[in-house]
């Protein structure tokens, strides 16, 4: 498994507008191959938003990052700026003890 942590700032929309858009697009994420879960993040006071994605593998994550869906939803969306992400491999053995 791979955990991907994405962060960005909002520009041109406020928290409530983002929440509405996120709620609207959330069902489409359920259709992504290899995505086990997505947790949506918000730090309204510091204008920091993002998500924690759990992927089956790096290939699934890379397929998402190179998809038209990613580009439409996040990559080329002018309302999301300073986009960063970090990917982490999951250590299966200790994780199986604590999950």
N, C-alpha and C. Protein backbone atom coordinates (compact mmCIF):
# COMPACT_ATOMS: atom_id res chain seq x y z
N UNK A 1 0.83 -1.18 0.00
CA UNK A 1 0.00 0.00 0.00
C UNK A 1 0.88 1.25 0.00
N UNK A 2 0.27 2.32 -0.47
CA UNK A 2 0.93 3.62 -0.50
C UNK A 2 -0.03 4.65 0.08
N UNK A 3 0.51 5.51 0.96
CA UNK A 3 -0.25 6.64 1.50
C UNK A 3 0.26 7.90 0.81
N UNK A 4 -0.65 8.68 0.27
CA UNK A 4 -0.32 9.93 -0.39
C UNK A 4 -0.97 11.06 0.39
N UNK A 5 -0.17 12.06 0.78
CA UNK A 5 -0.69 13.22 1.50
C UNK A 5 -0.58 14.42 0.58
N UNK A 6 -1.71 15.04 0.27
CA UNK A 6 -1.78 16.18 -0.64
C UNK A 6 -2.19 17.41 0.15
N UNK A 7 -1.52 18.54 -0.13
CA UNK A 7 -1.89 19.83 0.48
C UNK A 7 -1.95 20.90 -0.59
N UNK A 8 -2.82 21.88 -0.37
CA UNK A 8 -2.92 23.03 -1.28
C UNK A 8 -3.63 24.16 -0.54
N UNK A 9 -3.60 25.34 -1.16
CA UNK A 9 -4.31 26.51 -0.64
C UNK A 9 -5.42 26.87 -1.61
N UNK A 10 -6.46 27.49 -1.08
CA UNK A 10 -7.56 27.96 -1.91
C UNK A 10 -7.27 29.37 -2.40
N UNK A 11 -7.70 29.64 -3.63
CA UNK A 11 -7.59 30.98 -4.19
C UNK A 11 -8.83 31.24 -5.03
N UNK A 12 -9.56 32.30 -4.71
CA UNK A 12 -10.74 32.64 -5.48
C UNK A 12 -12.02 31.98 -5.01
N UNK A 13 -11.92 31.09 -4.04
CA UNK A 13 -13.12 30.50 -3.42
C UNK A 13 -12.88 30.44 -1.92
N UNK A 14 -13.97 30.37 -1.18
CA UNK A 14 -13.85 30.29 0.28
C UNK A 14 -14.11 28.86 0.75
N UNK A 15 -14.03 28.68 2.05
CA UNK A 15 -14.18 27.36 2.66
C UNK A 15 -15.52 26.71 2.28
N UNK A 16 -16.60 27.46 2.40
CA UNK A 16 -17.91 26.88 2.12
C UNK A 16 -18.07 26.49 0.65
N UNK A 17 -17.52 27.30 -0.24
CA UNK A 17 -17.57 26.95 -1.66
C UNK A 17 -16.75 25.68 -1.92
N UNK A 18 -15.59 25.59 -1.27
CA UNK A 18 -14.77 24.38 -1.41
C UNK A 18 -15.51 23.16 -0.88
N UNK A 19 -16.12 23.29 0.27
CA UNK A 19 -16.85 22.17 0.86
C UNK A 19 -17.95 21.69 -0.07
N UNK A 20 -18.67 22.61 -0.67
CA UNK A 20 -19.72 22.23 -1.62
C UNK A 20 -19.15 21.49 -2.83
N UNK A 21 -18.05 22.01 -3.39
CA UNK A 21 -17.43 21.37 -4.55
C UNK A 21 -16.87 20.00 -4.18
N UNK A 22 -16.25 19.89 -3.00
CA UNK A 22 -15.67 18.62 -2.57
C UNK A 22 -16.76 17.57 -2.39
N UNK A 23 -17.87 17.97 -1.80
CA UNK A 23 -18.98 17.04 -1.58
C UNK A 23 -19.55 16.57 -2.92
N UNK A 24 -19.57 17.48 -3.88
CA UNK A 24 -20.10 17.13 -5.19
C UNK A 24 -19.21 16.15 -5.95
N UNK A 25 -17.89 16.33 -5.85
CA UNK A 25 -16.97 15.49 -6.62
C UNK A 25 -16.58 14.20 -5.88
N UNK A 26 -16.83 14.13 -4.58
CA UNK A 26 -16.39 12.98 -3.78
C UNK A 26 -16.83 11.63 -4.35
N UNK A 27 -18.06 11.46 -4.83
CA UNK A 27 -18.44 10.14 -5.35
C UNK A 27 -17.56 9.66 -6.52
N UNK A 28 -17.01 10.58 -7.29
CA UNK A 28 -16.17 10.19 -8.43
C UNK A 28 -14.88 9.52 -7.96
N UNK A 29 -14.41 9.86 -6.76
CA UNK A 29 -13.20 9.24 -6.24
C UNK A 29 -13.41 7.76 -5.94
N UNK A 30 -14.64 7.38 -5.63
CA UNK A 30 -14.93 5.97 -5.35
C UNK A 30 -14.70 5.10 -6.57
N UNK A 31 -14.68 5.71 -7.75
CA UNK A 31 -14.52 4.97 -9.00
C UNK A 31 -13.06 4.79 -9.41
N UNK A 32 -12.12 5.42 -8.70
CA UNK A 32 -10.71 5.34 -9.08
C UNK A 32 -10.14 3.96 -8.79
N UNK A 33 -9.53 3.36 -9.80
CA UNK A 33 -8.90 2.05 -9.63
C UNK A 33 -7.74 2.15 -8.65
N UNK A 34 -7.74 1.26 -7.67
CA UNK A 34 -6.64 1.19 -6.72
C UNK A 34 -6.75 2.12 -5.53
N UNK A 35 -7.76 2.99 -5.49
CA UNK A 35 -7.93 3.88 -4.34
C UNK A 35 -8.76 3.17 -3.28
N UNK A 36 -8.17 2.95 -2.13
CA UNK A 36 -8.88 2.29 -1.02
C UNK A 36 -9.70 3.29 -0.21
N UNK A 37 -9.13 4.49 0.00
CA UNK A 37 -9.86 5.51 0.75
C UNK A 37 -9.24 6.87 0.51
N UNK A 38 -10.04 7.88 0.75
CA UNK A 38 -9.55 9.26 0.73
C UNK A 38 -10.17 9.97 1.93
N UNK A 39 -9.32 10.60 2.74
CA UNK A 39 -9.78 11.43 3.85
C UNK A 39 -9.54 12.87 3.43
N UNK A 40 -10.58 13.68 3.49
CA UNK A 40 -10.52 15.08 3.08
C UNK A 40 -10.08 15.93 4.27
N UNK A 41 -9.14 16.84 4.05
CA UNK A 41 -8.56 17.63 5.13
C UNK A 41 -8.87 19.12 4.99
N UNK A 42 -8.96 19.80 6.12
CA UNK A 42 -9.21 21.24 6.12
C UNK A 42 -8.57 21.88 7.34
N UNK A 43 -7.80 22.93 7.10
CA UNK A 43 -7.31 23.83 8.15
C UNK A 43 -7.72 25.22 7.71
N UNK A 44 -8.98 25.52 7.95
CA UNK A 44 -9.60 26.75 7.46
C UNK A 44 -8.83 27.99 7.89
N UNK A 45 -8.39 28.05 9.14
CA UNK A 45 -7.70 29.23 9.66
C UNK A 45 -6.40 29.53 8.92
N UNK A 46 -5.75 28.50 8.40
CA UNK A 46 -4.48 28.69 7.69
C UNK A 46 -4.60 28.47 6.19
N UNK A 47 -5.84 28.38 5.70
CA UNK A 47 -6.10 28.18 4.28
C UNK A 47 -5.29 27.02 3.71
N UNK A 48 -5.32 25.91 4.42
CA UNK A 48 -4.64 24.70 3.96
C UNK A 48 -5.66 23.57 3.88
N UNK A 49 -5.69 22.94 2.73
CA UNK A 49 -6.65 21.87 2.47
C UNK A 49 -5.90 20.71 1.85
N UNK A 50 -6.57 19.59 1.70
CA UNK A 50 -5.92 18.47 1.05
C UNK A 50 -6.61 17.16 1.33
N UNK A 51 -5.82 16.10 1.23
CA UNK A 51 -6.37 14.78 1.44
C UNK A 51 -5.29 13.78 1.77
N UNK A 52 -5.72 12.70 2.40
CA UNK A 52 -4.85 11.55 2.65
C UNK A 52 -5.48 10.39 1.89
N UNK A 53 -4.74 9.91 0.91
CA UNK A 53 -5.19 8.84 0.03
C UNK A 53 -4.49 7.54 0.42
N UNK A 54 -5.23 6.46 0.40
CA UNK A 54 -4.64 5.14 0.57
C UNK A 54 -4.81 4.40 -0.75
N UNK A 55 -3.67 4.08 -1.37
CA UNK A 55 -3.65 3.41 -2.66
C UNK A 55 -3.19 1.96 -2.50
N UNK A 56 -3.65 1.11 -3.41
CA UNK A 56 -3.18 -0.28 -3.44
C UNK A 56 -1.67 -0.33 -3.70
N UNK A 57 -1.20 0.56 -4.60
CA UNK A 57 0.20 0.54 -5.00
C UNK A 57 0.56 1.86 -5.68
N UNK A 58 1.84 2.06 -5.95
CA UNK A 58 2.30 3.30 -6.59
C UNK A 58 1.76 3.46 -8.01
N UNK A 59 1.61 2.35 -8.70
CA UNK A 59 1.08 2.42 -10.06
C UNK A 59 -0.31 3.05 -10.07
N UNK A 60 -1.16 2.66 -9.14
CA UNK A 60 -2.50 3.24 -9.05
C UNK A 60 -2.43 4.74 -8.78
N UNK A 61 -1.53 5.14 -7.86
CA UNK A 61 -1.37 6.56 -7.56
C UNK A 61 -0.88 7.31 -8.79
N UNK A 62 0.12 6.78 -9.48
CA UNK A 62 0.67 7.44 -10.66
C UNK A 62 -0.37 7.53 -11.77
N UNK A 63 -1.18 6.49 -11.93
CA UNK A 63 -2.25 6.54 -12.93
C UNK A 63 -3.21 7.68 -12.63
N UNK A 64 -3.53 7.87 -11.37
CA UNK A 64 -4.40 8.99 -10.97
C UNK A 64 -3.72 10.32 -11.28
N UNK A 65 -2.46 10.48 -10.88
CA UNK A 65 -1.74 11.74 -11.08
C UNK A 65 -1.59 12.10 -12.55
N UNK A 66 -1.60 11.10 -13.42
CA UNK A 66 -1.45 11.33 -14.86
C UNK A 66 -2.78 11.30 -15.61
N UNK A 67 -3.88 11.32 -14.86
CA UNK A 67 -5.20 11.19 -15.50
C UNK A 67 -5.83 12.54 -15.80
N UNK A 68 -6.76 12.51 -16.72
CA UNK A 68 -7.56 13.70 -17.05
C UNK A 68 -8.38 14.12 -15.84
N UNK A 69 -8.86 13.14 -15.08
CA UNK A 69 -9.64 13.43 -13.87
C UNK A 69 -8.83 14.27 -12.89
N UNK A 70 -7.58 13.86 -12.61
CA UNK A 70 -6.71 14.64 -11.71
C UNK A 70 -6.53 16.05 -12.24
N UNK A 71 -6.26 16.16 -13.53
CA UNK A 71 -6.02 17.48 -14.11
C UNK A 71 -7.25 18.38 -13.97
N UNK A 72 -8.43 17.84 -14.20
CA UNK A 72 -9.66 18.63 -14.11
C UNK A 72 -9.98 19.01 -12.67
N UNK A 73 -9.82 18.06 -11.76
CA UNK A 73 -10.24 18.28 -10.38
C UNK A 73 -9.22 19.10 -9.59
N UNK A 74 -7.94 18.83 -9.80
CA UNK A 74 -6.92 19.47 -8.97
C UNK A 74 -5.82 20.14 -9.78
N UNK A 75 -5.21 19.41 -10.66
CA UNK A 75 -3.99 19.86 -11.33
C UNK A 75 -4.08 21.20 -12.04
N UNK A 76 -5.12 21.42 -12.82
CA UNK A 76 -5.24 22.68 -13.56
C UNK A 76 -6.37 23.56 -13.03
N UNK A 77 -6.89 23.24 -11.87
CA UNK A 77 -7.96 24.04 -11.28
C UNK A 77 -7.37 25.32 -10.69
N UNK A 78 -7.77 26.49 -11.19
CA UNK A 78 -7.18 27.75 -10.72
C UNK A 78 -7.51 28.09 -9.27
N UNK A 79 -8.47 27.38 -8.68
CA UNK A 79 -8.84 27.64 -7.28
C UNK A 79 -7.93 26.94 -6.28
N UNK A 80 -7.04 26.06 -6.77
CA UNK A 80 -6.12 25.33 -5.90
C UNK A 80 -4.69 25.71 -6.27
N UNK A 81 -3.97 26.30 -5.33
CA UNK A 81 -2.60 26.75 -5.60
C UNK A 81 -1.65 26.13 -4.58
N UNK A 82 -0.38 26.18 -4.90
CA UNK A 82 0.67 25.64 -4.02
C UNK A 82 0.44 24.16 -3.70
N UNK A 83 0.09 23.40 -4.72
CA UNK A 83 -0.20 21.98 -4.55
C UNK A 83 1.09 21.21 -4.31
N UNK A 84 1.10 20.43 -3.24
CA UNK A 84 2.23 19.55 -2.96
C UNK A 84 1.69 18.18 -2.57
N UNK A 85 2.53 17.18 -2.77
CA UNK A 85 2.16 15.86 -2.24
C UNK A 85 3.41 15.09 -1.89
N UNK A 86 3.23 14.16 -1.00
CA UNK A 86 4.29 13.25 -0.57
C UNK A 86 3.66 11.86 -0.51
N UNK A 87 4.41 10.87 -0.99
CA UNK A 87 3.93 9.49 -0.97
C UNK A 87 4.81 8.67 -0.04
N UNK A 88 4.17 7.76 0.68
CA UNK A 88 4.84 6.92 1.66
C UNK A 88 4.46 5.47 1.43
N UNK A 89 5.44 4.58 1.45
CA UNK A 89 5.15 3.15 1.44
C UNK A 89 4.69 2.74 2.84
N UNK A 90 3.69 1.88 2.89
CA UNK A 90 3.19 1.37 4.15
C UNK A 90 4.03 0.18 4.58
N UNK A 91 4.43 0.16 5.83
CA UNK A 91 5.13 -0.98 6.41
C UNK A 91 4.09 -1.98 6.88
N UNK A 92 3.90 -3.02 6.09
CA UNK A 92 2.78 -3.94 6.31
C UNK A 92 2.84 -4.67 7.66
N UNK A 93 4.00 -5.13 8.06
CA UNK A 93 4.08 -5.95 9.27
C UNK A 93 3.65 -5.18 10.52
N UNK A 94 4.25 -4.04 10.86
CA UNK A 94 3.78 -3.35 12.05
C UNK A 94 2.37 -2.76 11.88
N UNK A 95 2.02 -2.39 10.65
CA UNK A 95 0.69 -1.84 10.41
C UNK A 95 -0.39 -2.90 10.70
N UNK A 96 -0.10 -4.15 10.35
CA UNK A 96 -1.08 -5.20 10.59
C UNK A 96 -1.35 -5.39 12.07
N UNK A 97 -0.40 -5.02 12.92
CA UNK A 97 -0.57 -5.14 14.37
C UNK A 97 -1.47 -4.03 14.90
N UNK A 98 -1.36 -2.85 14.32
CA UNK A 98 -2.10 -1.70 14.84
C UNK A 98 -3.37 -1.37 14.08
N UNK A 99 -3.69 -2.13 13.06
CA UNK A 99 -4.91 -1.86 12.27
C UNK A 99 -6.03 -2.79 12.66
